């Protein structure tokens, strides 16, 4: 399982560049998977890209999405050209709804682009690469915003799969939508089930069938991400952050945060950056 390596301890967990710039793993011809999201914009080359045993022939231009944990490889590729954007799930803190869009995009990970769509993708990736190379005080915010625009526009492209139509899929999709709206303050499986109009047991089964993970686990992760966002982006006290993410007892919040992240809220904030693998 490959992990994202960044050039400095406090660098944002994202990398942007050509296949050559990101190194040989970006064009690996052996099955592999990684802990981060990968977006590829292929502008030249022949061969195929294989994702979870599905073979996608190269007929550039393409936009491809590989989710964390998906097995993929390049096969019989010649003259591969284009750009790669890799980023961790933590990098989506400011736009949590993008996780659901990326999940949908990775369900059909190989989109063919017409001339207009390709021109738009090319411009956005050029802006991402320019900002990534230049750096600066506000670079991370600009990179997050540009990536958000790219993901949202990609989700509008023809061929992007819709949310699952089956009842269980619809329940799971509504759960994902509500869980992304952290301002609603729905921090328990029961609260989500009541909002959706199903039993907690049915919600748990639907989410597990759609994602392979439990609703409780996903809510814990959402709660941690929201707490991290407050700790990094605001001057709220730990007590205030605890209240914002549904904890009446700050001490219990601190124990929960340490159990989930390995750090206390104070240590995380003093680090000044998202800690990632």
Protein backbone atom coordinates (compact mmCIF):
# COMPACT_ATOMS: atom_id res chain seq x y z
CA UNK A 1 0.00 0.00 0.00
CA UNK A 2 1.68 3.20 -1.16
CA UNK A 3 1.44 6.33 0.97
CA UNK A 4 1.73 9.94 -0.09
CA UNK A 5 5.15 11.43 0.62
CA UNK A 6 5.39 15.21 0.86
CA UNK A 7 8.61 17.23 0.49
CA UNK A 8 8.51 18.84 3.96
CA UNK A 9 6.95 17.98 7.35
CA UNK A 10 4.31 20.73 7.12
CA UNK A 11 3.70 20.66 3.37
CA UNK A 12 0.06 20.19 2.31
CA UNK A 13 -0.84 16.55 1.56
CA UNK A 14 -1.11 17.02 -2.20
CA UNK A 15 1.23 16.67 -5.18
CA UNK A 16 0.71 17.89 -8.73
CA UNK A 17 2.86 17.31 -11.80
CA UNK A 18 3.49 15.36 -14.96
CA UNK A 19 3.88 11.58 -14.92
CA UNK A 20 7.64 12.09 -15.17
CA UNK A 21 7.72 14.64 -12.34
CA UNK A 22 5.83 12.38 -9.94
CA UNK A 23 8.12 9.45 -10.61
CA UNK A 24 7.92 5.83 -11.81
CA UNK A 25 5.08 4.78 -9.50
CA UNK A 26 2.75 7.14 -11.34
CA UNK A 27 3.02 4.85 -14.39
CA UNK A 28 3.60 1.52 -12.63
CA UNK A 29 2.80 -1.55 -14.75
CA UNK A 30 2.25 -3.83 -11.77
CA UNK A 31 -0.94 -4.06 -9.65
CA UNK A 32 -0.78 -1.70 -6.69
CA UNK A 33 -2.94 0.46 -4.48
CA UNK A 34 -2.41 3.44 -2.24
CA UNK A 35 -3.84 5.31 0.73
CA UNK A 36 -4.59 8.50 -1.20
CA UNK A 37 -6.79 9.71 -4.06
CA UNK A 38 -5.24 9.86 -7.53
CA UNK A 39 -6.54 11.90 -10.45
CA UNK A 40 -4.93 11.41 -13.85
CA UNK A 41 -5.36 13.59 -16.94
CA UNK A 42 -4.04 11.60 -19.88
CA UNK A 43 -3.27 13.64 -22.99
CA UNK A 44 -1.19 11.14 -24.95
CA UNK A 45 -0.22 7.50 -25.19
CA UNK A 46 -1.44 4.03 -26.13
CA UNK A 47 -2.19 0.94 -24.07
CA UNK A 48 -4.65 0.59 -21.22
CA UNK A 49 -5.34 1.48 -17.62
CA UNK A 50 -6.61 -1.39 -15.47
CA UNK A 51 -8.70 -0.58 -12.38
CA UNK A 52 -10.04 -3.44 -10.23
CA UNK A 53 -9.56 -5.83 -13.19
CA UNK A 54 -11.56 -3.59 -15.56
CA UNK A 55 -9.45 -2.66 -18.59
CA UNK A 56 -9.87 0.87 -19.98
CA UNK A 57 -8.17 1.43 -23.38
CA UNK A 58 -6.25 4.67 -23.83
CA UNK A 59 -7.92 6.98 -26.34
CA UNK A 60 -6.78 10.37 -25.03
CA UNK A 61 -7.81 12.75 -23.71
CA UNK A 62 -9.06 11.06 -20.54
CA UNK A 63 -9.76 12.00 -16.94
CA UNK A 64 -9.35 9.15 -14.48
CA UNK A 65 -10.04 8.76 -10.76
CA UNK A 66 -8.56 6.12 -8.47
CA UNK A 67 -9.88 5.93 -4.91
CA UNK A 68 -7.80 4.92 -1.89
CA UNK A 69 -7.53 1.15 -1.76
CA UNK A 70 -8.44 0.52 -5.42
CA UNK A 71 -6.03 -1.80 -7.23
CA UNK A 72 -4.82 -0.43 -10.55
CA UNK A 73 -1.97 -0.58 -13.06
CA UNK A 74 -0.93 0.60 -16.52
CA UNK A 75 -0.74 -2.10 -19.18
CA UNK A 76 1.27 -2.14 -22.42
CA UNK A 77 1.55 1.63 -22.29
CA UNK A 78 3.65 3.61 -24.76
CA UNK A 79 4.15 7.36 -24.86
CA UNK A 80 2.07 8.06 -21.75
CA UNK A 81 1.71 11.81 -21.30
CA UNK A 82 -0.32 14.06 -19.04
CA UNK A 83 -0.62 15.11 -15.41
CA UNK A 84 -1.27 13.46 -12.07
CA UNK A 85 -2.84 14.98 -8.95
CA UNK A 86 -2.58 12.97 -5.71
CA UNK A 87 -4.01 14.01 -2.35
CA UNK A 88 -5.08 12.50 0.94
CA UNK A 89 -8.61 12.36 2.28
CA UNK A 90 -7.56 14.95 4.89
CA UNK A 91 -7.01 17.49 2.11
CA UNK A 92 -10.80 17.57 1.57
CA UNK A 93 -11.47 19.04 5.03
CA UNK A 94 -12.90 22.29 3.62
CA UNK A 95 -15.15 20.51 1.10
CA UNK A 96 -16.38 17.29 2.78
CA UNK A 97 -19.11 16.72 0.17
CA UNK A 98 -16.37 16.13 -2.41
CA UNK A 99 -15.77 12.71 -0.86
CA UNK A 100 -19.12 11.50 -2.18
CA UNK A 101 -18.40 12.96 -5.62
CA UNK A 102 -15.04 11.19 -5.70
CA UNK A 103 -16.70 7.94 -4.65
CA UNK A 104 -19.10 8.24 -7.59
CA UNK A 105 -16.31 9.16 -9.98
CA UNK A 106 -14.19 6.19 -8.91
CA UNK A 107 -17.13 3.86 -9.68
CA UNK A 108 -16.47 4.57 -13.39
CA UNK A 109 -12.90 5.75 -13.20
CA UNK A 110 -12.17 6.47 -16.85
CA UNK A 111 -13.91 9.38 -18.58
CA UNK A 112 -13.37 10.31 -22.21
CA UNK A 113 -13.21 14.09 -22.72
CA UNK A 114 -14.49 16.06 -25.66
CA UNK A 115 -12.56 19.13 -26.82
CA UNK A 116 -14.43 21.57 -24.59
CA UNK A 117 -14.20 19.43 -21.46
CA UNK A 118 -10.53 18.73 -22.10
CA UNK A 119 -9.78 22.44 -22.45
CA UNK A 120 -11.46 23.13 -19.09
CA UNK A 121 -9.61 20.30 -17.33
CA UNK A 122 -6.32 21.41 -18.88
CA UNK A 123 -6.77 24.97 -17.56
CA UNK A 124 -7.63 23.85 -14.04
CA UNK A 125 -4.73 21.42 -13.80
CA UNK A 126 -2.36 24.07 -15.16
CA UNK A 127 -3.56 26.42 -12.41
CA UNK A 128 -3.10 23.67 -9.81
CA UNK A 129 0.42 22.91 -11.01
CA UNK A 130 1.38 26.60 -11.10
CA UNK A 131 0.10 27.20 -7.57
CA UNK A 132 1.75 24.01 -6.29
CA UNK A 133 5.11 25.03 -7.72
CA UNK A 134 5.01 28.68 -6.64
CA UNK A 135 3.89 28.16 -3.07
CA UNK A 136 3.10 30.98 -0.67
CA UNK A 137 1.20 31.81 2.48
CA UNK A 138 -2.22 31.03 0.99
CA UNK A 139 -1.19 28.23 -1.36
CA UNK A 140 -2.98 25.46 0.52
CA UNK A 141 -6.31 27.32 0.47
CA UNK A 142 -5.95 28.04 -3.25
CA UNK A 143 -5.08 24.40 -3.98
CA UNK A 144 -8.11 23.17 -2.02
CA UNK A 145 -10.40 25.56 -3.90
CA UNK A 146 -9.02 24.64 -7.33
CA UNK A 147 -9.26 20.92 -6.57
CA UNK A 148 -12.86 21.42 -5.40
CA UNK A 149 -13.77 23.10 -8.70
CA UNK A 150 -12.09 20.31 -10.67
CA UNK A 151 -13.94 17.56 -8.76
CA UNK A 152 -17.34 19.28 -9.04
CA UNK A 153 -16.93 19.93 -12.76
CA UNK A 154 -15.73 16.37 -13.37
CA UNK A 155 -18.87 15.07 -11.65
CA UNK A 156 -20.95 16.99 -14.22
CA UNK A 157 -19.29 15.30 -17.20
CA UNK A 158 -21.26 12.77 -19.27
CA UNK A 159 -20.60 9.23 -18.14
CA UNK A 160 -20.24 10.07 -14.46
CA UNK A 161 -22.34 7.49 -12.59
CA UNK A 162 -25.36 8.62 -10.65
CA UNK A 163 -26.02 7.59 -7.08
CA UNK A 164 -27.23 3.96 -6.77
CA UNK A 165 -30.95 3.70 -7.58
CA UNK A 166 -31.69 0.75 -5.30
CA UNK A 167 -33.47 1.51 -2.00
CA UNK A 168 -30.42 0.55 0.07
CA UNK A 169 -28.26 2.68 -2.20
CA UNK A 170 -30.65 5.61 -1.83
CA UNK A 171 -30.50 5.31 1.96
CA UNK A 172 -26.71 5.18 1.89
CA UNK A 173 -26.56 8.18 -0.46
CA UNK A 174 -28.84 10.23 1.82
CA UNK A 175 -26.70 9.25 4.80
CA UNK A 176 -23.58 10.45 2.96
CA UNK A 177 -25.30 13.73 2.06
CA UNK A 178 -26.39 14.38 5.65
CA UNK A 179 -23.07 13.30 7.15
CA UNK A 180 -21.29 15.83 4.92
CA UNK A 181 -23.52 18.63 6.29
CA UNK A 182 -21.74 18.92 9.62
CA UNK A 183 -23.61 22.12 10.45
CA UNK A 184 -26.70 19.98 11.12
CA UNK A 185 -25.05 18.54 14.22
CA UNK A 186 -26.15 14.96 13.51
CA UNK A 187 -23.44 12.95 15.22
CA UNK A 188 -25.13 9.60 15.90
CA UNK A 189 -26.46 6.76 13.76
CA UNK A 190 -29.84 7.13 15.48
CA UNK A 191 -30.07 10.84 14.63
CA UNK A 192 -29.33 10.13 10.97
CA UNK A 193 -31.81 7.24 10.87
CA UNK A 194 -34.56 9.45 12.31
CA UNK A 195 -33.80 12.20 9.78
CA UNK A 196 -33.88 9.73 6.85
CA UNK A 197 -36.94 7.89 8.17
CA UNK A 198 -35.50 4.40 8.63
CA UNK A 199 -34.47 2.30 11.61
CA UNK A 200 -30.86 2.48 12.84
CA UNK A 201 -30.46 -1.19 11.95
CA UNK A 202 -31.61 -0.65 8.35
CA UNK A 203 -29.34 2.38 8.01
CA UNK A 204 -26.36 0.41 9.30
CA UNK A 205 -27.01 -2.44 6.85
CA UNK A 206 -27.50 -0.08 3.88
CA UNK A 207 -24.32 1.88 4.57
CA UNK A 208 -22.30 -1.30 5.11
CA UNK A 209 -23.59 -2.76 1.82
CA UNK A 210 -22.76 0.42 -0.11
CA UNK A 211 -19.39 1.28 1.43
CA UNK A 212 -18.09 -1.80 3.21
CA UNK A 213 -17.85 0.27 6.39
CA UNK A 214 -20.21 0.93 9.27
CA UNK A 215 -22.20 4.13 9.64
CA UNK A 216 -20.74 4.59 13.12
CA UNK A 217 -17.19 4.42 11.77
CA UNK A 218 -17.95 6.95 9.05
CA UNK A 219 -19.54 9.31 11.58
CA UNK A 220 -16.52 9.05 13.89
CA UNK A 221 -14.30 10.01 10.98
CA UNK A 222 -16.58 12.90 10.02
CA UNK A 223 -16.56 14.13 13.60
CA UNK A 224 -12.78 14.01 13.75
CA UNK A 225 -12.43 15.85 10.42
CA UNK A 226 -14.75 18.61 11.63
CA UNK A 227 -12.83 18.91 14.90
CA UNK A 228 -9.56 19.08 12.96
CA UNK A 229 -10.98 21.81 10.76
CA UNK A 230 -11.96 23.91 13.79
CA UNK A 231 -8.58 23.34 15.46
CA UNK A 232 -6.64 24.34 12.35
CA UNK A 233 -8.84 27.09 10.94
CA UNK A 234 -10.24 28.88 14.00
CA UNK A 235 -9.19 30.26 17.38
CA UNK A 236 -11.91 28.36 19.23
CA UNK A 237 -10.86 26.80 22.53
CA UNK A 238 -10.78 23.03 22.87
CA UNK A 239 -13.94 23.29 25.00
CA UNK A 240 -15.68 25.25 22.22
CA UNK A 241 -14.52 22.80 19.55
CA UNK A 242 -15.83 19.93 21.67
CA UNK A 243 -19.23 21.62 21.86
CA UNK A 244 -19.29 22.29 18.11
CA UNK A 245 -18.84 18.60 17.35
CA UNK A 246 -21.42 17.40 19.86
CA UNK A 247 -19.43 16.71 23.04
CA UNK A 248 -20.81 18.14 26.27
CA UNK A 249 -17.73 16.95 28.18
CA UNK A 250 -14.41 18.40 26.88
CA UNK A 251 -12.43 15.71 28.71
CA UNK A 252 -14.33 12.97 26.89
CA UNK A 253 -13.79 14.82 23.61
CA UNK A 254 -10.02 14.88 24.28
CA UNK A 255 -9.99 11.13 24.97
CA UNK A 256 -12.03 10.50 21.81
CA UNK A 257 -9.71 12.70 19.70
CA UNK A 258 -6.56 11.02 21.04
CA UNK A 259 -8.01 7.54 20.48
CA UNK A 260 -8.89 8.32 16.86
CA UNK A 261 -5.81 10.33 15.86
CA UNK A 262 -3.04 9.42 18.32
CA UNK A 263 -2.73 13.09 19.31
CA UNK A 264 -4.38 15.39 21.81
CA UNK A 265 -6.33 18.33 20.34
CA UNK A 266 -3.66 20.69 21.66
CA UNK A 267 -0.81 18.71 20.10
CA UNK A 268 -2.66 18.55 16.80
CA UNK A 269 -3.21 22.31 16.79
CA UNK A 270 0.39 23.06 17.77
CA UNK A 271 1.58 20.92 14.87
CA UNK A 272 0.04 23.57 12.63
CA UNK A 273 -0.76 21.10 9.87
CA UNK A 274 -2.75 17.98 9.10
CA UNK A 275 -0.89 14.88 10.27
CA UNK A 276 -1.07 12.11 7.72
CA UNK A 277 0.56 8.81 6.86
